[in-house]
Amino acid sequence: MQTRICSCCGKEKPIESYKNVGKRGGGVSVLTICNECMRKKQDEGRAMAKVKKQQKIAQEVVDARTLRLQDFTPRELMTELHRRGYEGILKYTRVEQIDISNF
């Protein structure tokens, strides 16, 4: 029975507990990390990706809160208010400043 030492956990395990990976040229290569450690690394990677996604969403919320109403186009304002859970009718007055002293 062939065994190999996992480069991650350092335990000696049978060769069957290592994932076979296809190799160019028709041969098969066996990984140096056991299946159990590989699953743990993948789970940690997924958890880290989830945390990063949540941090990105939180940062977008902070960025949205720092914007002033005048920085939004009407369509962006409606989308942002809907995203924040507001419902109903929005009435707004558009104020534009026009300099007519140069006419």
N, C-alpha and C. Protein backbone atom coordinates (compact mmCIF):
# COMPACT_ATOMS: atom_id res chain seq x y z
N MET A 1 0.84 -1.18 0.00
CA MET A 1 0.00 0.00 0.00
C MET A 1 0.89 1.25 0.00
N GLN A 2 0.64 2.12 -1.00
CA GLN A 2 1.44 3.33 -1.11
C GLN A 2 0.87 4.42 -0.20
N THR A 3 1.77 5.17 0.39
CA THR A 3 1.34 6.29 1.23
C THR A 3 2.09 7.55 0.81
N ARG A 4 1.59 8.64 1.26
CA ARG A 4 2.23 9.93 0.97
C ARG A 4 1.98 10.84 2.16
N ILE A 5 2.89 11.75 2.43
CA ILE A 5 2.73 12.71 3.52
C ILE A 5 2.13 13.98 2.94
N CYS A 6 1.03 14.41 3.54
CA CYS A 6 0.34 15.62 3.10
C CYS A 6 1.20 16.84 3.43
N SER A 7 1.39 17.70 2.45
CA SER A 7 2.22 18.89 2.68
C SER A 7 1.48 19.96 3.49
N CYS A 8 0.19 19.76 3.71
CA CYS A 8 -0.58 20.73 4.48
C CYS A 8 -0.66 20.34 5.96
N CYS A 9 -1.18 19.13 6.22
CA CYS A 9 -1.37 18.72 7.61
C CYS A 9 -0.21 17.87 8.14
N GLY A 10 0.65 17.36 7.27
CA GLY A 10 1.81 16.60 7.69
C GLY A 10 1.53 15.16 8.06
N LYS A 11 0.30 14.68 7.83
CA LYS A 11 -0.05 13.31 8.17
C LYS A 11 0.25 12.38 6.99
N GLU A 12 0.64 11.18 7.33
CA GLU A 12 0.88 10.18 6.30
C GLU A 12 -0.44 9.47 6.02
N LYS A 13 -0.85 9.49 4.74
CA LYS A 13 -2.15 8.93 4.36
C LYS A 13 -1.98 8.07 3.11
N PRO A 14 -2.92 7.13 2.90
CA PRO A 14 -2.85 6.31 1.70
C PRO A 14 -3.02 7.17 0.44
N ILE A 15 -2.44 6.73 -0.64
CA ILE A 15 -2.44 7.48 -1.89
C ILE A 15 -3.87 7.72 -2.39
N GLU A 16 -4.83 6.86 -1.97
CA GLU A 16 -6.22 7.02 -2.39
C GLU A 16 -6.88 8.26 -1.80
N SER A 17 -6.32 8.81 -0.74
CA SER A 17 -6.91 9.99 -0.12
C SER A 17 -6.35 11.28 -0.72
N TYR A 18 -5.73 11.17 -1.88
CA TYR A 18 -5.25 12.33 -2.62
C TYR A 18 -5.98 12.36 -3.96
N LYS A 19 -6.38 13.54 -4.36
CA LYS A 19 -7.14 13.69 -5.60
C LYS A 19 -6.21 13.53 -6.80
N ASN A 20 -6.64 12.72 -7.76
CA ASN A 20 -5.89 12.58 -9.00
C ASN A 20 -6.24 13.74 -9.92
N VAL A 21 -5.23 14.27 -10.56
CA VAL A 21 -5.41 15.40 -11.46
C VAL A 21 -4.92 14.99 -12.83
N GLY A 22 -5.72 15.28 -13.85
CA GLY A 22 -5.29 14.98 -15.21
C GLY A 22 -4.04 15.76 -15.56
N LYS A 23 -3.19 15.16 -16.35
CA LYS A 23 -1.93 15.79 -16.71
C LYS A 23 -1.79 15.72 -18.22
N ARG A 24 -1.20 16.72 -18.81
CA ARG A 24 -0.97 16.71 -20.25
C ARG A 24 -0.10 15.52 -20.62
N GLY A 25 -0.40 14.93 -21.74
CA GLY A 25 0.38 13.79 -22.20
C GLY A 25 -0.21 12.46 -21.76
N GLY A 26 -1.38 12.49 -21.14
CA GLY A 26 -2.06 11.25 -20.78
C GLY A 26 -1.71 10.70 -19.43
N GLY A 27 -0.66 11.15 -18.78
CA GLY A 27 -0.30 10.66 -17.46
C GLY A 27 -1.21 11.24 -16.39
N VAL A 28 -1.12 10.71 -15.18
CA VAL A 28 -1.92 11.22 -14.06
C VAL A 28 -0.97 11.71 -12.98
N SER A 29 -1.26 12.87 -12.45
CA SER A 29 -0.45 13.46 -11.39
C SER A 29 -1.27 13.45 -10.10
N VAL A 30 -0.65 13.13 -8.99
CA VAL A 30 -1.33 13.11 -7.70
C VAL A 30 -0.90 14.35 -6.92
N LEU A 31 -1.87 15.06 -6.34
CA LEU A 31 -1.58 16.26 -5.58
C LEU A 31 -0.80 15.94 -4.31
N THR A 32 -0.17 16.95 -3.76
CA THR A 32 0.58 16.77 -2.51
C THR A 32 -0.28 17.12 -1.29
N ILE A 33 -1.49 17.59 -1.51
CA ILE A 33 -2.41 17.93 -0.43
C ILE A 33 -3.55 16.93 -0.43
N CYS A 34 -3.86 16.37 0.74
CA CYS A 34 -4.92 15.36 0.83
C CYS A 34 -6.29 15.98 0.57
N ASN A 35 -7.26 15.12 0.27
CA ASN A 35 -8.61 15.58 -0.04
C ASN A 35 -9.23 16.37 1.10
N GLU A 36 -8.99 15.94 2.33
CA GLU A 36 -9.56 16.62 3.50
C GLU A 36 -9.02 18.05 3.62
N CYS A 37 -7.72 18.22 3.46
CA CYS A 37 -7.12 19.55 3.53
C CYS A 37 -7.57 20.41 2.35
N MET A 38 -7.72 19.77 1.19
CA MET A 38 -8.18 20.49 0.00
C MET A 38 -9.58 21.05 0.24
N ARG A 39 -10.47 20.25 0.82
CA ARG A 39 -11.83 20.72 1.13
C ARG A 39 -11.79 21.88 2.13
N LYS A 40 -10.94 21.76 3.16
CA LYS A 40 -10.83 22.83 4.15
C LYS A 40 -10.37 24.13 3.50
N LYS A 41 -9.37 24.04 2.60
CA LYS A 41 -8.87 25.23 1.92
C LYS A 41 -9.95 25.85 1.03
N GLN A 42 -10.71 24.99 0.34
CA GLN A 42 -11.78 25.49 -0.51
C GLN A 42 -12.86 26.16 0.33
N ASP A 43 -13.22 25.56 1.46
CA ASP A 43 -14.23 26.14 2.34
C ASP A 43 -13.77 27.49 2.89
N GLU A 44 -12.50 27.57 3.27
CA GLU A 44 -11.94 28.83 3.77
C GLU A 44 -11.97 29.89 2.67
N GLY A 45 -11.65 29.49 1.45
CA GLY A 45 -11.68 30.42 0.32
C GLY A 45 -13.08 30.94 0.06
N ARG A 46 -14.06 30.05 0.11
CA ARG A 46 -15.45 30.46 -0.09
C ARG A 46 -15.90 31.41 1.02
N ALA A 47 -15.52 31.10 2.26
CA ALA A 47 -15.90 31.95 3.39
C ALA A 47 -15.26 33.33 3.25
N MET A 48 -14.00 33.36 2.82
CA MET A 48 -13.31 34.64 2.64
C MET A 48 -13.96 35.45 1.52
N ALA A 49 -14.35 34.78 0.44
CA ALA A 49 -15.02 35.47 -0.67
C ALA A 49 -16.35 36.05 -0.21
N LYS A 50 -17.07 35.32 0.64
CA LYS A 50 -18.35 35.80 1.16
C LYS A 50 -18.15 37.03 2.04
N VAL A 51 -17.11 36.99 2.89
CA VAL A 51 -16.80 38.13 3.76
C VAL A 51 -16.44 39.36 2.91
N LYS A 52 -15.62 39.15 1.88
CA LYS A 52 -15.23 40.27 1.02
C LYS A 52 -16.43 40.85 0.30
N LYS A 53 -17.36 40.00 -0.13
CA LYS A 53 -18.56 40.48 -0.80
C LYS A 53 -19.40 41.32 0.16
N GLN A 54 -19.54 40.85 1.42
CA GLN A 54 -20.30 41.60 2.42
C GLN A 54 -19.63 42.94 2.72
N GLN A 55 -18.29 42.96 2.78
CA GLN A 55 -17.57 44.20 3.02
C GLN A 55 -17.78 45.18 1.87
N LYS A 56 -17.80 44.66 0.66
CA LYS A 56 -18.00 45.51 -0.51
C LYS A 56 -19.39 46.13 -0.48
N ILE A 57 -20.40 45.32 -0.14
CA ILE A 57 -21.77 45.83 -0.05
C ILE A 57 -21.87 46.89 1.04
N ALA A 58 -21.24 46.63 2.19
CA ALA A 58 -21.26 47.60 3.29
C ALA A 58 -20.60 48.92 2.88
N GLN A 59 -19.51 48.83 2.13
CA GLN A 59 -18.82 50.03 1.67
C GLN A 59 -19.69 50.80 0.68
N GLU A 60 -20.41 50.08 -0.18
CA GLU A 60 -21.30 50.74 -1.13
C GLU A 60 -22.41 51.49 -0.39
N VAL A 61 -22.91 50.90 0.70
CA VAL A 61 -23.94 51.56 1.50
C VAL A 61 -23.38 52.83 2.12
N VAL A 62 -22.18 52.76 2.66
CA VAL A 62 -21.55 53.94 3.25
C VAL A 62 -21.34 55.01 2.19
N ASP A 63 -20.86 54.60 1.02
CA ASP A 63 -20.66 55.56 -0.06
C ASP A 63 -21.97 56.20 -0.49
N ALA A 64 -23.03 55.41 -0.54
CA ALA A 64 -24.34 55.94 -0.95
C ALA A 64 -24.85 56.94 0.07
N ARG A 65 -24.58 56.70 1.35
CA ARG A 65 -25.06 57.62 2.40
C ARG A 65 -24.33 58.95 2.36
N THR A 66 -23.10 58.95 1.88
CA THR A 66 -22.33 60.19 1.85
C THR A 66 -22.69 61.06 0.65
N LEU A 67 -23.40 60.49 -0.33
CA LEU A 67 -23.82 61.28 -1.47
C LEU A 67 -24.95 62.22 -1.06
N ARG A 68 -24.92 63.40 -1.62
CA ARG A 68 -26.01 64.34 -1.37
C ARG A 68 -27.11 64.09 -2.40
N LEU A 69 -28.31 64.48 -2.09
CA LEU A 69 -29.43 64.27 -3.00
C LEU A 69 -29.17 64.89 -4.37
N GLN A 70 -28.52 66.02 -4.37
CA GLN A 70 -28.28 66.70 -5.65
C GLN A 70 -27.27 65.95 -6.51
N ASP A 71 -26.54 65.01 -5.92
CA ASP A 71 -25.58 64.23 -6.70
C ASP A 71 -26.25 63.11 -7.50
N PHE A 72 -27.52 62.81 -7.19
CA PHE A 72 -28.24 61.74 -7.86
C PHE A 72 -29.02 62.30 -9.06
N THR A 73 -29.09 61.53 -10.12
CA THR A 73 -30.05 61.83 -11.17
C THR A 73 -31.41 61.36 -10.65
N PRO A 74 -32.50 61.84 -11.23
CA PRO A 74 -33.81 61.38 -10.75
C PRO A 74 -33.96 59.86 -10.78
N ARG A 75 -33.50 59.20 -11.82
CA ARG A 75 -33.60 57.75 -11.93
C ARG A 75 -32.76 57.07 -10.84
N GLU A 76 -31.54 57.55 -10.61
CA GLU A 76 -30.68 56.98 -9.57
C GLU A 76 -31.30 57.17 -8.19
N LEU A 77 -31.93 58.32 -7.98
CA LEU A 77 -32.56 58.60 -6.69
C LEU A 77 -33.71 57.63 -6.44
N MET A 78 -34.55 57.43 -7.46
CA MET A 78 -35.66 56.48 -7.30
C MET A 78 -35.15 55.08 -7.03
N THR A 79 -34.11 54.66 -7.73
CA THR A 79 -33.53 53.32 -7.54
C THR A 79 -32.95 53.18 -6.13
N GLU A 80 -32.24 54.20 -5.67
CA GLU A 80 -31.63 54.16 -4.34
C GLU A 80 -32.67 54.12 -3.24
N LEU A 81 -33.71 54.93 -3.36
CA LEU A 81 -34.77 54.93 -2.35
C LEU A 81 -35.51 53.60 -2.33
N HIS A 82 -35.76 53.04 -3.49
CA HIS A 82 -36.42 51.72 -3.57
C HIS A 82 -35.54 50.65 -2.93
N ARG A 83 -34.23 50.72 -3.19
CA ARG A 83 -33.30 49.76 -2.62
C ARG A 83 -33.28 49.85 -1.09
N ARG A 84 -33.46 51.04 -0.57
CA ARG A 84 -33.47 51.24 0.88
C ARG A 84 -34.82 50.90 1.52
N GLY A 85 -35.79 50.51 0.70
CA GLY A 85 -37.06 50.07 1.24
C GLY A 85 -38.18 51.10 1.25
N TYR A 86 -37.94 52.27 0.67
CA TYR A 86 -38.99 53.28 0.62
C TYR A 86 -40.03 52.90 -0.42
N GLU A 87 -41.28 53.20 -0.11
CA GLU A 87 -42.38 52.93 -1.04
C GLU A 87 -43.27 54.16 -1.10
N GLY A 88 -44.07 54.24 -2.14
CA GLY A 88 -45.03 55.33 -2.24
C GLY A 88 -44.72 56.24 -3.40
N ILE A 89 -45.12 57.48 -3.25
CA ILE A 89 -44.98 58.47 -4.33
C ILE A 89 -43.91 59.47 -3.92
N LEU A 90 -43.03 59.76 -4.84
CA LEU A 90 -41.97 60.74 -4.61
C LEU A 90 -42.29 61.97 -5.45
N LYS A 91 -42.41 63.11 -4.79
CA LYS A 91 -42.61 64.37 -5.49
C LYS A 91 -41.39 65.24 -5.23
N TYR A 92 -40.84 65.78 -6.28
CA TYR A 92 -39.69 66.65 -6.09
C TYR A 92 -39.79 67.83 -7.05
N THR A 93 -39.14 68.90 -6.67
CA THR A 93 -39.08 70.10 -7.48
C THR A 93 -37.65 70.25 -7.96
N ARG A 94 -37.53 70.49 -9.22
CA ARG A 94 -36.20 70.65 -9.80
C ARG A 94 -35.87 72.14 -9.82
N VAL A 95 -34.78 72.50 -9.20
CA VAL A 95 -34.34 73.89 -9.15
C VAL A 95 -33.07 74.00 -9.96
N GLU A 96 -33.10 74.89 -10.95
CA GLU A 96 -31.91 75.12 -11.76
C GLU A 96 -31.54 76.58 -11.68
N GLN A 97 -30.27 76.83 -11.63
CA GLN A 97 -29.78 78.20 -11.55
C GLN A 97 -29.21 78.56 -12.91
N ILE A 98 -29.74 79.62 -13.50
CA ILE A 98 -29.30 80.06 -14.83
C ILE A 98 -28.79 81.49 -14.70
N ASP A 99 -27.59 81.71 -15.15
CA ASP A 99 -27.00 83.04 -15.11
C ASP A 99 -27.37 83.78 -16.40
N ILE A 100 -28.21 84.82 -16.30
CA ILE A 100 -28.64 85.55 -17.47
C ILE A 100 -27.94 86.90 -17.59
N SER A 101 -26.93 87.12 -16.76
CA SER A 101 -26.26 88.42 -16.80
C SER A 101 -25.39 88.58 -18.04
N ASN A 102 -25.06 87.52 -18.74
CA ASN A 102 -24.19 87.60 -19.92
C ASN A 102 -24.97 87.68 -21.22
N PHE A 103 -26.28 87.77 -21.18
CA PHE A 103 -27.07 87.83 -22.43
C PHE A 103 -27.08 89.19 -23.01
